[in-house]
Amino acid sequence: MFKKILIANRGEIALRVIRTCREMGIKTVAVYSTADRDSLHVRFADEAVCIGPPPSRQSYLSIQNIISAAEVTGADAIHPGYGFLSENAEFSQICADYGIKFIGATAAQINGMGDKATAKATMIKAGVPVVPGSEGLLDSIEHGKKLAEDIGYPVIVKATAGGGGRGMRIINKPDDFEKAWNDARTESAAAFGNDGLYLEKFVEEPRHIEIQIIGDQFGKVCHLSERDCSIQRRHQKLVEETPSPIITPELRERMGAAAIKGAQAIGYEGAGTIEFLVDKHGEFFFMEMNTRIQVEHPITEEVTDFDLIKEQIKVAAGEPISGINYTPKLFAMECRINAEDPANGFRPAPGKITNLHFPGGHGIRIDSHVYSGYSIPPNYDSMIAKLIVSGQSREEVITRMKRALQEFVIEGIKTTIPFHIKLMDDPGFKSGNFTTKYLETFDFSTL
């Protein structure tokens, strides 16, 4: 087992990793930018190293600075958390070259799943259902138009290096193809330095369902059921839950088996998710793989009583997994509490928290790094807390979540709490009858 782990991240996920390491008797090293010198992960780690100024590229994205911090402190492993360098193949490889264990996927696995066209080809070969579309990148607009005619409209073009909805365009009829093609290529080139596009059939009334998987160094993979991440705004998740209201035991079994096949196809090691779209007919299609721990992993932990961070560390140290697939017996939901103003287009709202009170009670968990008097820097992601609620039924979870949200006090800044309270009363949400497009017609005017 590792003696000392450096956490190459910040905020609540850094604190989350520190907690598990302490329980395992492993020393920790926090890294921080000058903007985060007063953050709790710096306070609670055994050691802390400043790695640069506030801009991410000069601190949390600086491979050189992070490796130097690991060498100076004698860390024998690095946990990347999520975001930043967690899916950076170069970072994974450099860690290996320096003899520091990267607690995550190998460079080859990250590269294989990071490029969407390559990932799709891999899943097709493994027998995982994929959305009908191009085999690899489109080589011309004519190629795209011909394929769209063969598949049938509506279709969607996507950037191969894309993320967060950038470089994507839905095309409903042939006359719209050329403009959508040009717009997607321009946006993709500007955002990612890569204008490669691929085309897929547009999935109608989609739900975003992900399967949590764990793989070890011996070729074994198991899954810990699904999470429904369909409540999104501009492809950014706001609420996640497990089990999904639309997943039957039979569908869960098929999706779990497909996720395991996909992970085994690349010899996957560590925690990750296979992301699927499920259409209105109950058919599911591979979307992408995330080769890291997810923001929403706590809801899986709550229904399985399983520490995913601990399992990541154990697998990275060469220990085997149990290999048992899990069906949830409880229900859990997570609301992302962001420093944003939902009444004004979710505008970022950094600033000083003047008063803070966390909710409590049975079935309530808070993952957060903030405290009263803490100043939220404007340099990073706006998520400041995750409110996780569990219960015996989905109805109980929603009722408990509303109570917890009403008890959650954050003063001095705008947050997404008012949005979440309203969502818990929304008939469509309460019925489980929603898609990834649900918030496009949601009334934010009364927040």
Protein backbone atom coordinates (compact mmCIF):
# COMPACT_ATOMS: atom_id res chain seq x y z
CA MET A 1 0.00 0.00 0.00
CA PHE A 2 1.08 3.56 -0.64
CA LYS A 3 2.78 5.52 2.13
CA LYS A 4 2.02 9.03 0.86
CA ILE A 5 -0.46 10.28 -1.77
CA LEU A 6 -0.35 13.71 -3.37
CA ILE A 7 -3.80 15.03 -4.37
CA ALA A 8 -3.47 16.93 -7.64
CA ASN A 9 -6.71 18.83 -7.18
CA ARG A 10 -8.55 21.29 -4.97
CA GLY A 11 -11.86 21.91 -3.22
CA GLU A 12 -14.25 19.22 -2.06
CA ILE A 13 -12.72 16.34 -4.03
CA ALA A 14 -9.28 17.00 -2.53
CA LEU A 15 -10.84 16.98 0.93
CA ARG A 16 -12.76 13.81 0.04
CA VAL A 17 -9.55 11.98 -0.90
CA ILE A 18 -7.75 13.21 2.24
CA ARG A 19 -10.50 11.77 4.44
CA THR A 20 -10.24 8.29 2.95
CA CYS A 21 -6.44 8.37 3.06
CA ARG A 22 -6.55 9.21 6.78
CA GLU A 23 -8.84 6.25 7.42
CA MET A 24 -6.39 4.03 5.52
CA GLY A 25 -3.37 5.34 7.41
CA ILE A 26 -1.87 7.01 4.33
CA LYS A 27 -0.11 10.38 4.56
CA THR A 28 -1.36 13.12 2.21
CA VAL A 29 0.10 16.08 0.34
CA ALA A 30 -2.12 18.94 -0.77
CA VAL A 31 -1.14 21.21 -3.62
CA TYR A 32 -2.65 24.65 -3.94
CA SER A 33 -2.55 27.87 -5.88
CA THR A 34 -2.13 31.18 -4.10
CA ALA A 35 -5.90 31.69 -4.47
CA ASP A 36 -6.50 28.54 -2.39
CA ARG A 37 -4.08 29.09 0.48
CA ASP A 38 -7.04 29.31 2.91
CA SER A 39 -8.87 26.25 1.55
CA LEU A 40 -9.68 23.36 3.88
CA HIS A 41 -7.80 20.76 1.84
CA VAL A 42 -4.62 22.72 2.57
CA ARG A 43 -5.40 22.73 6.29
CA PHE A 44 -6.28 19.06 6.66
CA ALA A 45 -3.54 17.45 4.56
CA ASP A 46 -0.38 16.30 6.31
CA GLU A 47 1.71 18.52 4.02
CA ALA A 48 0.90 21.29 1.56
CA VAL A 49 2.87 22.72 -1.34
CA CYS A 50 2.06 25.91 -3.24
CA ILE A 51 2.33 25.17 -6.97
CA GLY A 52 1.67 28.57 -8.53
CA PRO A 53 -0.60 31.57 -9.05
CA PRO A 54 -4.42 31.39 -9.47
CA PRO A 55 -4.65 30.62 -13.24
CA SER A 56 -5.10 26.85 -13.61
CA ARG A 57 -2.54 26.54 -16.38
CA GLN A 58 0.11 27.88 -13.99
CA SER A 59 -0.91 25.71 -11.03
CA TYR A 60 -3.40 22.83 -11.14
CA LEU A 61 -2.67 22.15 -14.82
CA SER A 62 1.10 22.50 -14.47
CA ILE A 63 2.45 18.96 -14.74
CA GLN A 64 5.98 20.14 -14.03
CA ASN A 65 4.98 21.87 -10.78
CA ILE A 66 2.91 18.93 -9.55
CA ILE A 67 5.59 16.34 -10.28
CA SER A 68 8.14 18.57 -8.53
CA ALA A 69 5.85 18.74 -5.47
CA ALA A 70 5.54 14.94 -5.46
CA GLU A 71 9.31 14.49 -5.66
CA VAL A 72 10.06 17.07 -2.97
CA THR A 73 7.58 15.50 -0.52
CA GLY A 74 8.39 11.88 -1.39
CA ALA A 75 4.86 11.00 -2.53
CA ASP A 76 4.68 7.53 -4.09
CA ALA A 77 1.25 8.07 -5.71
CA ILE A 78 -0.88 10.87 -7.13
CA HIS A 79 -4.68 11.02 -7.00
CA PRO A 80 -5.95 13.43 -9.68
CA GLY A 81 -9.58 13.70 -8.52
CA TYR A 82 -11.85 14.85 -11.37
CA GLY A 83 -11.30 17.65 -13.86
CA PHE A 84 -7.89 19.31 -14.29
CA LEU A 85 -5.36 16.54 -15.14
CA SER A 86 -7.52 13.53 -14.24
CA GLU A 87 -7.92 12.46 -17.88
CA ASN A 88 -4.62 13.78 -19.20
CA ALA A 89 -2.70 10.95 -20.85
CA GLU A 90 0.57 12.87 -20.79
CA PHE A 91 0.31 13.35 -17.02
CA SER A 92 -0.48 9.66 -16.48
CA GLN A 93 2.52 8.65 -18.56
CA ILE A 94 4.89 11.11 -16.87
CA CYS A 95 3.83 9.77 -13.47
CA ALA A 96 4.70 6.27 -14.68
CA ASP A 97 8.05 7.47 -16.08
CA TYR A 98 8.93 9.01 -12.70
CA GLY A 99 7.90 5.91 -10.75
CA ILE A 100 4.91 7.63 -9.16
CA LYS A 101 1.66 5.64 -9.30
CA PHE A 102 -1.15 7.52 -11.05
CA ILE A 103 -4.38 6.53 -9.29
CA GLY A 104 -6.40 6.34 -12.45
CA ALA A 105 -6.30 5.08 -15.99
CA THR A 106 -3.13 4.45 -17.97
CA ALA A 107 -2.09 6.79 -20.77
CA ALA A 108 -3.19 4.25 -23.38
CA GLN A 109 -6.63 3.88 -21.78
CA ILE A 110 -7.11 7.65 -21.53
CA ASN A 111 -6.07 8.14 -25.16
CA GLY A 112 -8.30 5.31 -26.29
CA MET A 113 -11.39 6.74 -24.64
CA GLY A 114 -10.55 10.46 -24.89
CA ASP A 115 -11.04 10.58 -28.64
CA LYS A 116 -14.74 9.96 -29.26
CA ALA A 117 -14.31 8.42 -32.71
CA THR A 118 -11.70 5.96 -31.43
CA ALA A 119 -13.82 5.16 -28.38
CA LYS A 120 -16.84 4.42 -30.55
CA ALA A 121 -14.84 2.09 -32.80
CA THR A 122 -13.55 0.26 -29.71
CA MET A 123 -17.07 -0.20 -28.36
CA ILE A 124 -18.39 -1.47 -31.70
CA LYS A 125 -15.63 -4.08 -31.73
CA ALA A 126 -16.52 -5.07 -28.15
CA GLY A 127 -20.19 -5.52 -29.06
CA VAL A 128 -21.47 -2.54 -27.06
CA PRO A 129 -24.51 -0.81 -28.64
CA VAL A 130 -23.65 2.52 -30.24
CA VAL A 131 -25.70 5.21 -31.92
CA PRO A 132 -25.81 4.63 -35.72
CA GLY A 133 -23.43 7.00 -37.44
CA SER A 134 -20.09 7.49 -39.09
CA GLU A 135 -17.30 4.97 -38.60
CA GLY A 136 -14.65 7.43 -37.54
CA LEU A 137 -14.39 11.03 -38.67
CA LEU A 138 -16.21 12.55 -41.62
CA ASP A 139 -13.78 13.30 -44.44
CA SER A 140 -16.00 15.87 -46.17
CA ILE A 141 -19.35 17.63 -46.04
CA GLU A 142 -20.51 15.42 -48.91
CA HIS A 143 -19.68 12.35 -46.85
CA GLY A 144 -21.75 13.74 -44.00
CA LYS A 145 -24.75 14.58 -46.19
CA LYS A 146 -24.78 11.12 -47.77
CA LEU A 147 -24.59 9.40 -44.39
CA ALA A 148 -27.37 11.60 -42.98
CA GLU A 149 -29.62 10.56 -45.86
CA ASP A 150 -28.83 6.89 -45.23
CA ILE A 151 -29.44 7.07 -41.47
CA GLY A 152 -32.38 9.45 -41.65
CA TYR A 153 -32.88 12.86 -40.07
CA PRO A 154 -32.59 14.21 -37.41
CA VAL A 155 -28.83 13.73 -37.03
CA ILE A 156 -26.16 15.42 -34.94
CA VAL A 157 -22.57 16.35 -35.78
CA LYS A 158 -20.10 16.30 -32.89
CA ALA A 159 -16.50 17.40 -32.38
CA THR A 160 -14.24 14.39 -31.86
CA ALA A 161 -12.28 16.34 -29.23
CA GLY A 162 -15.43 17.91 -27.78
CA GLY A 163 -16.97 18.32 -24.37
CA GLY A 164 -19.49 20.50 -22.57
CA GLY A 165 -21.69 20.71 -25.66
CA ARG A 166 -19.15 22.60 -27.77
CA GLY A 167 -18.71 21.58 -31.40
CA MET A 168 -22.17 19.94 -31.51
CA ARG A 169 -25.05 20.76 -33.87
CA ILE A 170 -28.42 19.06 -34.38
CA ILE A 171 -29.54 18.93 -38.02
CA ASN A 172 -33.22 18.36 -38.72
CA LYS A 173 -33.27 18.54 -42.53
CA PRO A 174 -30.85 18.53 -45.51
CA ASP A 175 -31.09 22.31 -46.05
CA ASP A 176 -29.60 22.91 -42.59
CA PHE A 177 -26.57 20.67 -43.06
CA GLU A 178 -24.01 23.06 -44.53
CA LYS A 179 -24.45 25.82 -41.93
CA ALA A 180 -24.40 23.35 -39.03
CA TRP A 181 -21.28 21.69 -40.44
CA ASN A 182 -19.41 24.97 -40.76
CA ASP A 183 -20.51 26.24 -37.34
CA ALA A 184 -19.50 23.02 -35.57
CA ARG A 185 -16.08 22.92 -37.25
CA THR A 186 -15.35 26.55 -36.41
CA GLU A 187 -16.40 26.14 -32.78
CA SER A 188 -14.45 22.91 -32.39
CA ALA A 189 -11.27 24.36 -33.86
CA ALA A 190 -11.48 27.39 -31.56
CA ALA A 191 -12.24 25.38 -28.41
CA PHE A 192 -10.05 22.32 -28.90
CA GLY A 193 -7.60 23.04 -31.72
CA ASN A 194 -9.19 20.16 -33.64
CA ASP A 195 -12.02 20.58 -36.18
CA GLY A 196 -12.63 16.86 -36.75
CA LEU A 197 -16.33 15.92 -36.74
CA TYR A 198 -18.31 12.71 -36.67
CA LEU A 199 -22.04 12.18 -37.25
CA GLU A 200 -24.68 10.22 -35.39
CA LYS A 201 -28.40 9.62 -35.46
CA PHE A 202 -30.02 12.09 -33.05
CA VAL A 203 -31.48 10.15 -30.12
CA GLU A 204 -35.06 11.22 -29.40
CA GLU A 205 -36.17 12.05 -25.85
CA PRO A 206 -32.83 10.93 -24.40
CA ARG A 207 -31.97 10.10 -20.81
CA HIS A 208 -28.33 10.31 -19.72
CA ILE A 209 -27.56 7.12 -17.81
CA GLU A 210 -24.08 6.19 -16.63
CA ILE A 211 -22.84 2.89 -15.23
CA GLN A 212 -20.23 3.02 -12.45
CA ILE A 213 -17.50 0.45 -13.05
CA ILE A 214 -14.36 -0.67 -11.22
CA GLY A 215 -11.55 -2.63 -12.86
CA ASP A 216 -8.43 -4.14 -11.32
CA GLN A 217 -4.97 -5.04 -12.63
CA PHE A 218 -6.00 -8.67 -13.15
CA GLY A 219 -8.58 -8.05 -15.87
CA LYS A 220 -11.64 -8.19 -13.61
CA VAL A 221 -14.38 -5.55 -13.93
CA CYS A 222 -17.60 -5.13 -11.94
CA HIS A 223 -20.32 -2.49 -12.00
CA LEU A 224 -22.12 -0.72 -9.18
CA SER A 225 -25.37 0.00 -11.02
CA GLU A 226 -26.47 3.20 -12.74
CA ARG A 227 -26.86 6.91 -12.12
CA ASP A 228 -29.40 9.09 -13.92
CA CYS A 229 -27.79 12.42 -14.88
CA SER A 230 -30.52 13.76 -17.15
CA ILE A 231 -31.21 17.01 -15.28
CA GLN A 232 -28.70 19.20 -17.08
CA ARG A 233 -28.29 22.74 -18.31
CA ARG A 234 -26.13 23.24 -21.39
CA HIS A 235 -24.79 19.70 -20.92
CA GLN A 236 -23.72 20.52 -17.35
CA LYS A 237 -25.23 18.21 -14.73
CA LEU A 238 -27.19 19.76 -11.85
CA VAL A 239 -28.96 16.79 -10.25
CA GLU A 240 -28.07 13.10 -10.27
CA GLU A 241 -29.91 10.13 -8.80
CA THR A 242 -29.76 6.37 -8.39
CA PRO A 243 -31.50 4.18 -9.26
CA SER A 244 -32.91 5.80 -12.38
CA PRO A 245 -36.73 6.08 -12.49
CA ILE A 246 -36.75 4.53 -15.99
CA ILE A 247 -34.38 1.59 -15.55
CA THR A 248 -35.94 -1.85 -15.15
CA PRO A 249 -34.03 -4.79 -13.63
CA GLU A 250 -33.74 -6.32 -17.10
CA LEU A 251 -32.40 -3.11 -18.65
CA ARG A 252 -29.97 -2.62 -15.73
CA GLU A 253 -28.61 -6.11 -16.29
CA ARG A 254 -28.09 -5.50 -20.02
CA MET A 255 -26.51 -2.07 -19.54
CA GLY A 256 -24.25 -3.36 -16.75
CA ALA A 257 -23.07 -6.24 -18.92
CA ALA A 258 -22.39 -3.84 -21.82
CA ALA A 259 -20.42 -1.50 -19.55
CA ILE A 260 -18.27 -4.38 -18.31
CA LYS A 261 -17.58 -5.53 -21.88
CA GLY A 262 -16.56 -2.00 -22.84
CA ALA A 263 -14.19 -1.65 -19.89
CA GLN A 264 -12.69 -5.10 -20.42
CA ALA A 265 -12.06 -4.27 -24.07
CA ILE A 266 -9.38 -1.78 -23.01
CA GLY A 267 -8.19 -3.69 -19.93
CA TYR A 268 -9.51 -0.87 -17.77
CA GLU A 269 -8.00 -0.27 -14.34
CA GLY A 270 -9.59 1.86 -11.64
CA ALA A 271 -12.91 3.65 -11.22
CA GLY A 272 -14.73 4.97 -14.27
CA THR A 273 -18.09 5.31 -15.92
CA ILE A 274 -19.53 4.12 -19.19
CA GLU A 275 -22.01 6.78 -20.32
CA PHE A 276 -25.12 5.83 -22.27
CA LEU A 277 -28.07 7.57 -23.87
CA VAL A 278 -31.40 5.77 -23.40
CA ASP A 279 -34.11 6.71 -25.90
CA LYS A 280 -37.88 6.81 -25.52
CA HIS A 281 -38.10 3.21 -26.71
CA GLY A 282 -35.81 1.93 -23.94
CA GLU A 283 -32.89 1.30 -26.28
CA PHE A 284 -29.46 2.34 -25.01
CA PHE A 285 -26.39 3.55 -26.87
CA PHE A 286 -22.78 4.17 -25.81
CA MET A 287 -21.94 7.87 -25.57
CA GLU A 288 -18.50 8.09 -23.93
CA MET A 289 -16.33 6.76 -21.14
CA ASN A 290 -15.03 8.86 -18.26
CA THR A 291 -11.72 7.42 -17.10
CA ARG A 292 -11.85 8.96 -13.61
CA ILE A 293 -13.97 9.34 -10.51
CA GLN A 294 -17.14 11.34 -11.13
CA VAL A 295 -18.49 14.37 -9.25
CA GLU A 296 -21.64 12.38 -8.49
CA HIS A 297 -19.92 9.26 -7.11
CA PRO A 298 -21.33 9.85 -3.55
CA ILE A 299 -24.85 8.74 -4.50
CA THR A 300 -23.49 5.35 -5.55
CA GLU A 301 -21.57 5.16 -2.27
CA GLU A 302 -24.75 5.89 -0.32
CA VAL A 303 -26.81 3.09 -1.90
CA THR A 304 -23.97 0.53 -1.91
CA ASP A 305 -22.15 1.40 1.35
CA PHE A 306 -18.99 1.28 -0.73
CA ASP A 307 -16.07 3.78 -0.55
CA LEU A 308 -15.16 4.35 -4.20
CA ILE A 309 -12.06 6.41 -3.37
CA LYS A 310 -10.78 3.63 -1.13
CA GLU A 311 -11.41 1.12 -3.91
CA GLN A 312 -9.53 3.33 -6.38
CA ILE A 313 -6.52 3.39 -4.07
CA LYS A 314 -6.63 -0.36 -3.38
CA VAL A 315 -6.87 -1.23 -7.08
CA ALA A 316 -4.00 1.16 -7.90
CA ALA A 317 -1.91 -0.60 -5.23
CA GLY A 318 -2.48 -3.92 -6.98
CA GLU A 319 -5.28 -5.40 -4.90
CA PRO A 320 -8.10 -7.32 -6.62
CA ILE A 321 -11.76 -6.29 -6.68
CA SER A 322 -14.51 -8.50 -5.37
CA GLY A 323 -16.07 -8.75 -8.82
CA ILE A 324 -19.65 -8.59 -7.55
CA ASN A 325 -22.13 -6.47 -9.51
CA TYR A 326 -24.52 -4.46 -7.37
CA THR A 327 -28.23 -3.69 -7.50
CA PRO A 328 -29.24 -0.70 -5.33
CA LYS A 329 -31.63 -1.33 -2.45
CA LEU A 330 -31.80 2.33 -1.35
CA PHE A 331 -32.40 5.55 -3.29
CA ALA A 332 -30.09 8.55 -3.39
CA MET A 333 -29.94 11.96 -5.06
CA GLU A 334 -27.31 14.68 -5.33
CA CYS A 335 -27.89 18.40 -5.88
CA ARG A 336 -24.89 20.40 -6.96
CA ILE A 337 -24.75 23.64 -5.01
CA ASN A 338 -22.99 26.15 -7.26
CA ALA A 339 -22.00 29.76 -6.65
CA GLU A 340 -24.23 30.88 -9.50
CA ASP A 341 -27.34 33.01 -9.97
CA PRO A 342 -29.97 30.70 -11.54
CA ALA A 343 -32.38 33.62 -12.07
CA ASN A 344 -29.83 35.26 -14.38
CA GLY A 345 -28.69 32.48 -16.65
CA PHE A 346 -26.66 30.75 -13.93
CA ARG A 347 -24.18 33.62 -13.95
CA PRO A 348 -21.10 32.80 -11.79
CA ALA A 349 -21.28 34.49 -8.39
CA PRO A 350 -17.93 34.29 -6.61
CA GLY A 351 -17.45 36.24 -3.39
CA LYS A 352 -17.26 35.93 0.37
CA ILE A 353 -19.60 33.63 2.31
CA THR A 354 -20.76 35.73 5.24
CA ASN A 355 -22.89 33.06 6.94
CA LEU A 356 -23.14 29.31 6.45
CA HIS A 357 -25.29 26.56 7.90
CA PHE A 358 -25.27 22.98 6.59
CA PRO A 359 -28.43 20.85 6.88
CA GLY A 360 -28.35 17.66 8.93
CA GLY A 361 -30.43 14.70 9.99
CA HIS A 362 -30.87 11.11 8.89
CA GLY A 363 -29.89 10.38 5.29
CA ILE A 364 -28.08 13.70 4.74
CA ARG A 365 -24.48 14.02 3.53
CA ILE A 366 -22.59 17.19 2.62
CA ASP A 367 -19.38 17.14 0.58
CA SER A 368 -17.94 20.66 0.65
CA HIS A 369 -14.78 22.66 1.24
CA VAL A 370 -16.37 25.99 2.14
CA TYR A 371 -16.96 27.63 5.52
CA SER A 372 -18.31 30.89 6.91
CA GLY A 373 -15.87 33.65 5.96
CA TYR A 374 -14.48 31.69 3.00
CA SER A 375 -13.94 33.72 -0.18
CA ILE A 376 -14.80 31.80 -3.35
CA PRO A 377 -12.17 32.57 -5.99
CA PRO A 378 -13.36 33.41 -9.51
CA ASN A 379 -10.71 31.24 -11.16
CA TYR A 380 -12.25 27.78 -10.91
CA ASP A 381 -15.43 25.75 -11.23
CA SER A 382 -18.38 27.31 -9.38
CA MET A 383 -19.45 24.19 -7.48
CA ILE A 384 -19.03 24.79 -3.75
CA ALA A 385 -20.95 21.88 -2.21
CA LYS A 386 -22.77 18.65 -2.97
CA LEU A 387 -25.94 17.86 -1.03
CA ILE A 388 -26.49 14.09 -1.03
CA VAL A 389 -29.70 12.59 0.32
CA SER A 390 -30.62 8.91 0.67
CA GLY A 391 -33.82 7.12 1.63
CA GLN A 392 -36.06 4.09 1.23
CA SER A 393 -37.90 5.42 -1.84
CA ARG A 394 -37.54 8.13 -4.47
CA GLU A 395 -40.49 9.97 -2.96
CA GLU A 396 -38.84 9.97 0.47
CA VAL A 397 -35.58 11.23 -1.02
CA ILE A 398 -37.31 14.14 -2.79
CA THR A 399 -39.18 15.14 0.39
CA ARG A 400 -35.98 14.90 2.44
CA MET A 401 -34.00 16.81 -0.18
CA LYS A 402 -36.49 19.68 -0.14
CA ARG A 403 -36.30 19.86 3.64
CA ALA A 404 -32.50 19.84 3.56
CA LEU A 405 -32.38 22.54 0.88
CA GLN A 406 -34.68 24.75 2.93
CA GLU A 407 -32.34 24.27 5.90
CA PHE A 408 -29.21 25.02 3.81
CA VAL A 409 -28.12 28.62 4.50
CA ILE A 410 -25.44 30.32 2.42
CA GLU A 411 -25.35 34.11 2.72
CA GLY A 412 -23.19 36.67 0.94
CA ILE A 413 -23.42 35.06 -2.50
CA LYS A 414 -26.02 33.74 -4.95
CA THR A 415 -26.36 29.95 -5.19
CA THR A 416 -28.39 27.32 -7.04
CA ILE A 417 -30.35 26.41 -3.88
CA PRO A 418 -33.54 28.29 -4.96
CA PHE A 419 -33.54 26.39 -8.27
CA HIS A 420 -33.20 23.03 -6.54
CA ILE A 421 -36.05 23.82 -4.11
CA LYS A 422 -38.34 24.65 -7.01
CA LEU A 423 -37.28 21.53 -8.91
CA MET A 424 -38.21 19.31 -5.95
CA ASP A 425 -41.79 20.62 -6.26
CA ASP A 426 -41.93 20.28 -10.04
CA PRO A 427 -44.57 17.70 -11.14
CA GLY A 428 -42.56 16.45 -14.12
CA PHE A 429 -39.45 15.92 -12.06
CA LYS A 430 -41.36 14.27 -9.21
CA SER A 431 -42.98 11.84 -11.66
CA GLY A 432 -39.59 10.92 -13.15
CA ASN A 433 -40.87 11.97 -16.56
CA PHE A 434 -38.04 14.08 -18.00
CA THR A 435 -35.23 14.05 -20.55
CA THR A 436 -31.86 15.78 -20.92
CA LYS A 437 -33.78 18.69 -22.49
CA TYR A 438 -36.12 19.15 -19.52
CA LEU A 439 -34.65 22.40 -18.23
CA GLU A 440 -34.93 24.08 -21.64
CA THR A 441 -38.60 24.78 -20.82
CA PHE A 442 -38.21 25.20 -17.06
CA ASP A 443 -39.49 28.50 -15.61
CA PHE A 444 -36.56 30.26 -13.95
CA SER A 445 -38.36 33.62 -13.72
CA THR A 446 -39.82 33.01 -10.26
CA LEU A 447 -36.52 32.15 -8.54
